[in-house]
């Protein structure tokens, strides 16, 4: 049964194994976060046998795909991308319905997929040209060989954009791939990859959906040489444990409790305030690289809170297809409860909580996974809203007195994905940013819109292992092979 993006109301996506769409005996419903009783479509539930078959197909395809000249691989990947981009509008609408994000964000999600595929293809020479080390006493060549079968496990929040931080790089490097889409929002990913797989040799790109137990072979099969996972730190630890059984390489992009440091010299104009709000509340706060904590110089605390509140008051919360809506629901009911509990705990401990925005007329806040954006003012630093990643539309705002002490504290914490420094003095901000031990540090900007895809992306400490994108991300899907001659 072939996927049809256009008929999303009755959509059923199968598995993609060896260039064919495979139906299963059982199907998993996919629900609309804005109307949790509404079924958007159904995804196939793989068995263990299906997962093994996908690895079989990828393993069989690897030999010829890896031997193909990189220029030919790139041509095929770009042709496959072209086929996907012809369905941009339908994919964007489907993302809104299964994910909950607003249409403008869904359109960016699909567009970024294309941008990142082209960026990876442009780096093809990095894997095709060996490094030569002249003698004497030796003449040596260092080649880059693809690792083999790669499994990519994708999160729900920006599924196509995040997938494209690894999938095209793995393919350009000469690897065959099995993709595991997010279980609660798999439809757009499967739909896009079905179209893409038809333009590639059978088995080069496979897709498996199903529960964790049945897809474990995508991690534990000894033929899988590299696993890429984006998600929570706890789930990343589980992936790493499974991969350790076969010493499989892992790239883990995990949770980030990302701080923003607002210095005393910042000009809190409308642009800066709007940028800070966007960096915090994009996708209802459900972005790993989004601002999760705001530390502001004590003398600017009230001004910042009032300024952000003014911007947040214009927020309209509702269904993503409504063009007036600026923030959609959270993805799941469980996440809504988690975020609400964090805020309530902080409030009960004495922190002031300010709620902003309004609901659109076409939603019932009690039926969908909707929450208004909030600011949690000067909570105890041991509260979970400060120490844990909220992944929702709330942020603690905390005054500080000494920026050097603050940087030292932040550099010792569990998370180290992203950070940002906001200042009227770029040189001063840059010096502080360079001292922050996070994978990415921004100046006067933050979150996905500020991500330079030419640069590597990943985290320190419990925010992950390895890097995606850029030359480093491409080479991470290869092994160095040294050939040495006597001279």
Protein backbone atom coordinates (compact mmCIF):
# COMPACT_ATOMS: atom_id res chain seq x y z
CA UNK A 1 0.00 0.00 0.00
CA UNK A 2 1.60 3.26 -1.12
CA UNK A 3 1.46 6.30 1.11
CA UNK A 4 -0.62 9.24 -0.10
CA UNK A 5 0.17 12.52 1.63
CA UNK A 6 -2.84 14.16 0.02
CA UNK A 7 -5.30 11.81 1.76
CA UNK A 8 -3.99 12.59 5.22
CA UNK A 9 -7.39 12.05 6.90
CA UNK A 10 -7.13 8.29 6.24
CA UNK A 11 -3.37 8.03 5.91
CA UNK A 12 -1.71 4.71 6.71
CA UNK A 13 2.04 4.57 6.37
CA UNK A 14 3.83 1.28 5.93
CA UNK A 15 7.40 0.24 6.49
CA UNK A 16 9.96 0.86 3.74
CA UNK A 17 12.24 -2.13 3.28
CA UNK A 18 14.47 -2.77 0.28
CA UNK A 19 12.69 -0.18 -1.85
CA UNK A 20 9.19 -1.50 -1.16
CA UNK A 21 6.33 -0.40 1.09
CA UNK A 22 5.53 -3.20 3.52
CA UNK A 23 2.22 -3.49 5.37
CA UNK A 24 2.00 -5.03 8.83
CA UNK A 25 -0.64 -6.90 10.79
CA UNK A 26 -1.06 -4.13 13.35
CA UNK A 27 -1.19 -0.35 13.11
CA UNK A 28 -0.66 2.45 15.62
CA UNK A 29 -2.99 5.47 15.59
CA UNK A 30 -1.44 8.94 15.44
CA UNK A 31 -3.39 11.64 17.28
CA UNK A 32 -3.82 15.39 16.81
CA UNK A 33 -2.35 17.29 19.81
CA UNK A 34 -4.94 20.04 19.31
CA UNK A 35 -7.77 17.49 19.38
CA UNK A 36 -6.38 14.43 21.20
CA UNK A 37 -9.33 12.21 20.33
CA UNK A 38 -8.85 12.91 16.62
CA UNK A 39 -6.84 10.36 14.64
CA UNK A 40 -4.63 11.88 11.95
CA UNK A 41 -3.55 8.54 10.52
CA UNK A 42 -1.97 5.19 11.28
CA UNK A 43 1.61 3.94 11.16
CA UNK A 44 2.68 0.36 10.66
CA UNK A 45 3.84 -1.54 13.76
CA UNK A 46 6.93 -3.52 12.87
CA UNK A 47 7.77 -6.93 14.25
CA UNK A 48 11.28 -7.98 15.21
CA UNK A 49 11.38 -9.79 11.88
CA UNK A 50 10.62 -6.59 10.00
CA UNK A 51 13.45 -4.80 11.81
CA UNK A 52 15.89 -7.56 10.94
CA UNK A 53 14.72 -7.47 7.33
CA UNK A 54 15.44 -3.73 7.18
CA UNK A 55 18.98 -4.32 8.43
CA UNK A 56 19.32 -7.18 5.92
CA UNK A 57 18.33 -4.83 3.09
CA UNK A 58 20.65 -2.05 4.24
CA UNK A 59 23.54 -4.46 4.64
CA UNK A 60 23.02 -5.93 1.17
CA UNK A 61 22.80 -2.47 -0.43
CA UNK A 62 25.91 -1.14 1.27
CA UNK A 63 28.48 -2.80 -0.96
CA UNK A 64 27.35 -1.26 -4.23
CA UNK A 65 26.29 2.09 -2.71
CA UNK A 66 29.63 2.60 -0.96
CA UNK A 67 31.53 1.66 -4.12
CA UNK A 68 29.65 4.21 -6.21
CA UNK A 69 31.58 7.43 -6.93
CA UNK A 70 30.50 10.16 -4.56
CA UNK A 71 29.42 12.38 -7.47
CA UNK A 72 26.94 9.72 -8.56
CA UNK A 73 25.63 9.30 -5.02
CA UNK A 74 25.13 13.06 -4.75
CA UNK A 75 23.22 13.18 -8.06
CA UNK A 76 20.85 10.45 -6.85
CA UNK A 77 20.34 12.12 -3.46
CA UNK A 78 19.52 15.47 -5.08
CA UNK A 79 17.06 13.82 -7.47
CA UNK A 80 15.41 12.17 -4.47
CA UNK A 81 15.24 15.53 -2.69
CA UNK A 82 13.58 17.09 -5.71
CA UNK A 83 10.82 14.47 -5.52
CA UNK A 84 10.27 15.24 -1.84
CA UNK A 85 10.16 19.00 -2.39
CA UNK A 86 7.30 18.61 -4.82
CA UNK A 87 5.19 17.66 -1.78
CA UNK A 88 6.27 20.47 0.52
CA UNK A 89 2.82 21.88 1.13
CA UNK A 90 1.17 18.54 1.85
CA UNK A 91 4.00 17.51 4.17
CA UNK A 92 3.76 20.82 6.06
CA UNK A 93 0.03 20.41 6.61
CA UNK A 94 0.52 16.85 7.79
CA UNK A 95 3.19 17.99 10.26
CA UNK A 96 0.78 20.53 11.77
CA UNK A 97 -1.87 17.88 12.32
CA UNK A 98 0.34 15.18 13.86
CA UNK A 99 2.86 17.40 15.63
CA UNK A 100 0.81 20.38 16.83
CA UNK A 101 3.20 23.10 15.65
CA UNK A 102 1.94 26.13 13.75
CA UNK A 103 1.98 26.08 9.94
CA UNK A 104 4.81 28.60 9.61
CA UNK A 105 7.07 26.35 11.70
CA UNK A 106 6.02 23.25 9.77
CA UNK A 107 6.89 24.94 6.49
CA UNK A 108 10.32 25.83 7.87
CA UNK A 109 10.77 22.24 9.07
CA UNK A 110 10.23 20.92 5.54
CA UNK A 111 12.33 23.67 3.94
CA UNK A 112 15.27 23.07 6.29
CA UNK A 113 15.26 19.42 5.23
CA UNK A 114 16.10 20.56 1.71
CA UNK A 115 18.68 23.11 2.82
CA UNK A 116 20.54 20.54 4.89
CA UNK A 117 20.46 17.86 2.20
CA UNK A 118 22.06 20.29 -0.26
CA UNK A 119 24.64 21.37 2.33
CA UNK A 120 25.68 17.75 2.85
CA UNK A 121 25.87 17.09 -0.88
CA UNK A 122 28.15 20.10 -1.32
CA UNK A 123 30.72 18.46 0.97
CA UNK A 124 31.14 15.32 -1.13
CA UNK A 125 34.79 16.06 -1.95
CA UNK A 126 35.64 15.78 1.75
CA UNK A 127 35.18 12.00 1.59
CA UNK A 128 36.43 11.37 -1.93
CA UNK A 129 39.85 13.04 -1.74
CA UNK A 130 42.45 11.26 0.41
CA UNK A 131 45.00 13.14 2.46
CA UNK A 132 48.59 12.53 1.29
CA UNK A 133 51.51 12.53 3.74
CA UNK A 134 54.83 12.67 1.94
CA UNK A 135 58.04 10.98 3.05
CA UNK A 136 60.61 9.95 3.90
CA UNK A 137 60.52 7.53 5.64
CA UNK A 138 56.99 6.74 4.43
CA UNK A 139 54.50 7.78 1.80
CA UNK A 140 51.05 7.58 3.35
CA UNK A 141 47.46 8.02 2.19
CA UNK A 142 44.57 8.59 4.59
CA UNK A 143 41.26 7.62 3.03
CA UNK A 144 37.74 8.05 4.45
CA UNK A 145 35.63 4.88 4.24
CA UNK A 146 31.91 4.72 5.09
CA UNK A 147 31.15 2.89 8.33
CA UNK A 148 28.39 0.61 6.98
CA UNK A 149 24.76 0.39 8.10
CA UNK A 150 23.58 3.47 10.02
CA UNK A 151 20.44 3.70 12.15
CA UNK A 152 18.92 7.15 12.71
CA UNK A 153 16.31 7.63 15.45
CA UNK A 154 14.31 10.84 15.05
CA UNK A 155 12.41 12.97 17.65
CA UNK A 156 8.95 14.45 17.22
CA UNK A 157 9.58 18.18 17.54
CA UNK A 158 11.39 19.08 14.28
CA UNK A 159 11.49 15.64 12.70
CA UNK A 160 12.45 16.44 9.11
CA UNK A 161 14.94 19.17 9.96
CA UNK A 162 16.62 17.05 12.62
CA UNK A 163 16.65 13.99 10.36
CA UNK A 164 18.47 16.06 7.74
CA UNK A 165 21.26 16.85 10.21
CA UNK A 166 22.38 13.23 9.78
CA UNK A 167 20.60 11.35 6.94
CA UNK A 168 22.14 13.15 3.94
CA UNK A 169 25.58 13.16 5.56
CA UNK A 170 25.40 9.40 6.10
CA UNK A 171 24.27 8.84 2.51
CA UNK A 172 26.85 11.14 0.94
CA UNK A 173 29.57 9.33 2.89
CA UNK A 174 28.43 6.05 1.31
CA UNK A 175 26.46 4.44 4.12
CA UNK A 176 23.12 2.68 3.87
CA UNK A 177 20.51 3.80 6.39
CA UNK A 178 17.54 2.63 8.45
CA UNK A 179 15.41 5.47 9.86
CA UNK A 180 13.24 5.07 12.95
CA UNK A 181 10.67 7.94 12.92
CA UNK A 182 9.13 9.34 16.12
CA UNK A 183 6.29 7.07 17.31
CA UNK A 184 3.90 9.93 18.09
CA UNK A 185 4.54 11.87 14.85
CA UNK A 186 5.81 9.47 12.17
CA UNK A 187 3.55 10.25 9.23
CA UNK A 188 5.34 13.15 7.52
CA UNK A 189 8.74 11.50 7.94
CA UNK A 190 7.58 8.19 6.47
CA UNK A 191 5.74 9.95 3.66
CA UNK A 192 8.80 12.00 2.70
CA UNK A 193 11.19 9.07 2.92
CA UNK A 194 8.99 6.80 0.86
CA UNK A 195 9.20 9.32 -1.97
CA UNK A 196 12.94 9.68 -1.42
CA UNK A 197 13.63 5.94 -1.28
CA UNK A 198 12.08 5.37 -4.70
CA UNK A 199 14.82 7.52 -6.26
CA UNK A 200 17.62 5.58 -4.55
CA UNK A 201 18.81 2.00 -5.10
CA UNK A 202 16.72 -0.53 -3.12
CA UNK A 203 17.92 -0.99 0.45
CA UNK A 204 19.93 2.22 0.64
CA UNK A 205 17.16 3.97 2.60
CA UNK A 206 14.81 1.94 4.82
CA UNK A 207 12.19 3.10 7.34
CA UNK A 208 10.83 1.18 10.32
CA UNK A 209 8.08 2.26 12.72
CA UNK A 210 7.04 0.33 15.81
CA UNK A 211 7.49 -0.10 19.55
CA UNK A 212 10.88 -0.06 21.23
CA UNK A 213 11.13 -3.80 21.85
CA UNK A 214 10.48 -4.71 18.23
CA UNK A 215 12.94 -2.21 16.77
CA UNK A 216 15.87 -3.11 19.04
CA UNK A 217 17.64 -4.96 16.19
CA UNK A 218 18.15 -1.55 14.59
CA UNK A 219 20.59 -0.92 17.45
CA UNK A 220 21.82 -4.34 18.54
CA UNK A 221 22.35 -6.11 15.21
CA UNK A 222 26.15 -6.39 14.82
CA UNK A 223 25.91 -5.22 11.21
CA UNK A 224 24.72 -1.80 12.43
CA UNK A 225 27.91 0.23 12.77
CA UNK A 226 26.61 3.65 13.84
CA UNK A 227 23.47 4.77 15.69
CA UNK A 228 22.34 8.40 15.67
CA UNK A 229 19.79 9.36 18.32
CA UNK A 230 18.17 12.69 19.16
CA UNK A 231 16.05 12.80 22.31
CA UNK A 232 16.15 12.86 26.08
CA UNK A 233 19.27 12.18 28.12
CA UNK A 234 17.65 9.18 29.83
CA UNK A 235 16.72 7.61 26.49
CA UNK A 236 20.21 8.35 25.17
CA UNK A 237 21.72 6.38 28.04
CA UNK A 238 19.50 3.44 27.11
CA UNK A 239 20.60 3.65 23.46
CA UNK A 240 24.25 3.74 24.52
CA UNK A 241 23.77 0.68 26.74
CA UNK A 242 22.24 -1.32 23.89
CA UNK A 243 24.89 -0.21 21.42
CA UNK A 244 27.64 -1.23 23.84
CA UNK A 245 26.74 -4.89 23.28
CA UNK A 246 28.33 -4.73 19.82
CA UNK A 247 30.61 -1.71 20.41
CA UNK A 248 28.51 0.20 17.91
CA UNK A 249 29.43 3.86 17.52
CA UNK A 250 26.80 6.34 18.74
CA UNK A 251 26.05 9.98 18.07
CA UNK A 252 23.76 11.30 20.78
CA UNK A 253 22.11 14.74 20.66
CA UNK A 254 20.41 14.87 24.03
CA UNK A 255 18.66 17.19 26.43
CA UNK A 256 19.76 20.75 26.99
CA UNK A 257 18.88 23.03 29.90
CA UNK A 258 20.17 25.94 27.86
CA UNK A 259 20.94 29.21 29.69
CA UNK A 260 20.67 32.73 28.32
CA UNK A 261 22.85 35.31 30.08
CA UNK A 262 21.49 38.86 29.76
CA UNK A 263 24.16 41.40 30.71
CA UNK A 264 23.68 44.79 32.33
CA UNK A 265 24.56 46.71 29.17
CA UNK A 266 21.86 45.18 26.94
CA UNK A 267 19.52 47.50 25.05
CA UNK A 268 16.15 45.86 25.71
CA UNK A 269 14.54 47.17 22.56
CA UNK A 270 11.60 45.52 20.82
CA UNK A 271 13.84 43.50 18.52
CA UNK A 272 15.94 42.02 21.32
CA UNK A 273 12.86 41.26 23.42
CA UNK A 274 11.08 39.63 20.48
CA UNK A 275 14.18 37.59 19.64
CA UNK A 276 14.50 36.40 23.23
CA UNK A 277 10.83 35.40 23.34
CA UNK A 278 11.16 33.54 20.03
CA UNK A 279 14.32 31.80 21.25
CA UNK A 280 12.41 30.58 24.30
CA UNK A 281 8.92 29.73 23.07
CA UNK A 282 9.54 28.34 19.57
CA UNK A 283 7.40 25.21 19.06
CA UNK A 284 5.79 25.85 22.44
CA UNK A 285 9.21 25.60 24.07
CA UNK A 286 9.79 22.08 22.73
CA UNK A 287 13.20 22.61 21.13
CA UNK A 288 16.40 21.14 22.56
CA UNK A 289 18.46 24.22 21.62
CA UNK A 290 15.88 26.71 22.89
CA UNK A 291 16.42 28.98 25.91
CA UNK A 292 15.40 27.10 29.07
CA UNK A 293 16.68 29.55 31.70
CA UNK A 294 17.23 33.31 31.63
CA UNK A 295 19.86 34.80 33.92
CA UNK A 296 19.68 38.59 33.91
CA UNK A 297 21.82 41.23 35.63
CA UNK A 298 19.93 42.11 38.78
CA UNK A 299 19.52 45.80 37.93
CA UNK A 300 17.80 44.89 34.64
CA UNK A 301 15.52 42.17 36.06
CA UNK A 302 12.26 44.14 36.25
CA UNK A 303 12.80 45.78 32.87
CA UNK A 304 13.41 42.43 31.21
CA UNK A 305 10.40 40.77 32.81
CA UNK A 306 8.08 43.64 31.87
CA UNK A 307 9.46 43.76 28.33
CA UNK A 308 9.12 40.03 27.70
CA UNK A 309 5.66 40.10 29.24
CA UNK A 310 4.60 42.81 26.80
CA UNK A 311 5.70 40.65 23.86
CA UNK A 312 4.15 37.49 25.31
CA UNK A 313 0.80 39.19 25.89
CA UNK A 314 0.26 39.27 22.13
CA UNK A 315 0.61 35.48 21.87
CA UNK A 316 -2.41 33.66 20.45
CA UNK A 317 -2.53 29.97 21.37
CA UNK A 318 -4.51 27.58 19.21
CA UNK A 319 -4.61 25.23 16.26
CA UNK A 320 -1.59 25.36 14.01
CA UNK A 321 -3.52 25.84 10.76
CA UNK A 322 -5.08 29.07 12.03
CA UNK A 323 -2.92 31.81 10.42
CA UNK A 324 -3.45 34.13 13.40
CA UNK A 325 -2.14 31.60 15.92
CA UNK A 326 1.44 32.12 17.12
CA UNK A 327 1.80 29.07 19.40
CA UNK A 328 0.29 25.61 19.15
CA UNK A 329 -0.33 22.91 21.77
CA UNK A 330 2.27 20.76 23.42
CA UNK A 331 2.77 17.47 21.65
CA UNK A 332 1.42 15.14 24.35
CA UNK A 333 -0.81 15.27 27.38
CA UNK A 334 1.99 13.87 29.51
CA UNK A 335 4.26 16.76 28.60
CA UNK A 336 1.52 19.28 29.34
CA UNK A 337 1.10 17.76 32.81
CA UNK A 338 4.86 17.74 33.40
CA UNK A 339 5.30 21.42 32.51
CA UNK A 340 2.23 22.47 34.48
CA UNK A 341 3.53 20.60 37.53
CA UNK A 342 6.97 22.25 37.29
CA UNK A 343 5.35 25.69 37.29
CA UNK A 344 2.98 24.81 40.13
CA UNK A 345 5.83 23.46 42.28
CA UNK A 346 7.81 26.66 41.80
CA UNK A 347 4.76 28.77 42.63
CA UNK A 348 4.04 26.79 45.78
CA UNK A 349 7.65 27.32 46.87
CA UNK A 350 7.19 31.10 46.70
CA UNK A 351 8.10 32.08 43.13
CA UNK A 352 5.84 34.50 41.28
CA UNK A 353 4.36 33.08 38.07
CA UNK A 354 3.04 35.36 35.33
CA UNK A 355 0.84 33.95 32.59
CA UNK A 356 0.41 35.63 29.21
CA UNK A 357 -1.43 35.41 25.92
CA UNK A 358 -4.92 34.24 25.02
CA UNK A 359 -6.60 31.26 23.40
CA UNK A 360 -8.08 31.48 19.93
CA UNK A 361 -11.84 31.18 19.66
CA UNK A 362 -11.70 27.84 17.82
CA UNK A 363 -10.08 25.79 20.61
CA UNK A 364 -11.06 24.32 23.93
CA UNK A 365 -8.02 24.62 26.17
CA UNK A 366 -9.20 21.63 28.22
CA UNK A 367 -9.49 19.27 25.25
CA UNK A 368 -6.17 19.93 23.52
CA UNK A 369 -2.67 19.95 24.98
CA UNK A 370 -2.66 23.74 25.26
CA UNK A 371 -0.79 25.87 27.78
CA UNK A 372 -0.33 29.62 27.92
CA UNK A 373 3.26 30.89 28.09
CA UNK A 374 4.53 31.72 31.55
CA UNK A 375 7.49 33.39 33.25
CA UNK A 376 8.62 31.99 36.61
CA UNK A 377 10.25 34.87 38.49
CA UNK A 378 13.29 34.33 40.70
CA UNK A 379 12.54 30.76 41.79
CA UNK A 380 14.73 28.89 44.23
CA UNK A 381 17.64 27.61 42.12
CA UNK A 382 17.02 24.06 43.36
CA UNK A 383 13.50 23.97 41.93
CA UNK A 384 13.02 21.51 39.06
CA UNK A 385 11.90 24.34 36.76
CA UNK A 386 15.52 25.54 37.00
CA UNK A 387 17.47 22.29 37.23
CA UNK A 388 15.55 20.23 34.67
CA UNK A 389 14.72 20.83 31.02
CA UNK A 390 11.10 22.04 30.93
CA UNK A 391 10.50 21.40 27.20
CA UNK A 392 7.41 23.57 27.30
CA UNK A 393 6.18 27.18 27.23
CA UNK A 394 7.69 28.37 30.50
CA UNK A 395 11.05 29.77 31.57
CA UNK A 396 12.57 30.78 34.92
CA UNK A 397 14.00 34.31 35.04
CA UNK A 398 16.78 34.57 37.62
CA UNK A 399 18.78 37.66 38.63
CA UNK A 400 22.57 37.39 38.98
CA UNK A 401 25.26 39.65 40.43
CA UNK A 402 28.56 38.23 39.17
CA UNK A 403 28.85 36.89 35.63
CA UNK A 404 32.14 35.06 36.25
CA UNK A 405 30.60 33.08 39.12
CA UNK A 406 27.56 32.35 36.97
CA UNK A 407 29.68 30.99 34.10
CA UNK A 408 31.60 28.78 36.52
CA UNK A 409 28.34 27.40 37.88
CA UNK A 410 26.88 26.74 34.43
CA UNK A 411 30.03 24.98 33.26
CA UNK A 412 29.75 22.49 36.13
CA UNK A 413 26.14 21.44 35.51
CA UNK A 414 24.81 18.29 33.83
CA UNK A 415 23.78 19.91 30.56
CA UNK A 416 25.99 21.48 27.93
CA UNK A 417 24.09 21.69 24.66
CA UNK A 418 23.65 25.41 23.94
CA UNK A 419 23.95 28.79 25.62
CA UNK A 420 23.63 32.43 24.67
CA UNK A 421 24.94 35.80 25.83
CA UNK A 422 22.94 39.00 25.27
CA UNK A 423 24.76 42.32 25.44
CA UNK A 424 25.19 45.73 23.86
CA UNK A 425 28.93 45.06 23.65
CA UNK A 426 29.64 42.25 21.17
CA UNK A 427 33.29 41.94 22.18
CA UNK A 428 32.38 41.56 25.85
CA UNK A 429 29.64 39.06 25.03
CA UNK A 430 31.96 37.09 22.76
CA UNK A 431 34.56 36.74 25.49
CA UNK A 432 31.94 35.32 27.86
CA UNK A 433 30.47 33.07 25.15
CA UNK A 434 33.90 31.58 24.41
CA UNK A 435 34.21 30.64 28.08
CA UNK A 436 30.96 28.69 28.17
CA UNK A 437 31.39 24.92 27.88
CA UNK A 438 28.44 24.14 25.64
CA UNK A 439 28.40 22.73 22.11
CA UNK A 440 27.09 26.03 20.73
CA UNK A 441 27.15 29.52 22.26
CA UNK A 442 25.32 32.37 20.55
CA UNK A 443 25.61 36.13 20.93
CA UNK A 444 22.35 38.15 20.89
CA UNK A 445 20.45 35.24 19.35
CA UNK A 446 19.55 31.64 20.13
CA UNK A 447 17.62 28.56 19.05
CA UNK A 448 17.12 26.94 15.66
CA UNK A 449 16.92 30.15 13.66
CA UNK A 450 20.45 31.00 14.78
CA UNK A 451 21.95 27.59 13.96
CA UNK A 452 24.73 27.79 11.34
CA UNK A 453 24.44 24.49 9.47
CA UNK A 454 28.00 24.81 8.19
CA UNK A 455 29.24 24.28 11.74
CA UNK A 456 29.18 21.10 13.84
CA UNK A 457 26.33 20.72 16.32
CA UNK A 458 26.23 18.66 19.51
CA UNK A 459 26.64 18.84 23.26
CA UNK A 460 29.04 18.61 26.18
CA UNK A 461 28.61 16.39 29.25
CA UNK A 462 25.15 14.73 29.48
CA UNK A 463 23.87 16.71 26.49
CA UNK A 464 25.42 14.24 24.11
CA UNK A 465 28.29 12.64 22.23
CA UNK A 466 29.61 13.41 18.77
CA UNK A 467 28.68 16.11 16.29
CA UNK A 468 26.28 16.48 13.38
CA UNK A 469 26.48 18.71 10.28
CA UNK A 470 29.42 20.48 8.72
CA UNK A 471 32.60 18.71 7.71
CA UNK A 472 32.92 17.16 11.17
CA UNK A 473 29.41 15.73 10.88
CA UNK A 474 30.14 14.23 7.47
CA UNK A 475 33.45 12.66 8.52
CA UNK A 476 31.75 11.22 11.61
CA UNK A 477 30.03 8.77 9.23
CA UNK A 478 33.39 7.51 8.03
CA UNK A 479 36.40 5.63 9.34
CA UNK A 480 39.94 6.77 8.63
CA UNK A 481 41.79 4.15 6.57
CA UNK A 482 45.56 4.60 6.46
CA UNK A 483 47.63 3.10 3.62
CA UNK A 484 51.40 3.44 4.04
CA UNK A 485 54.18 2.71 1.54
CA UNK A 486 57.92 2.38 2.13
CA UNK A 487 59.84 5.25 0.58
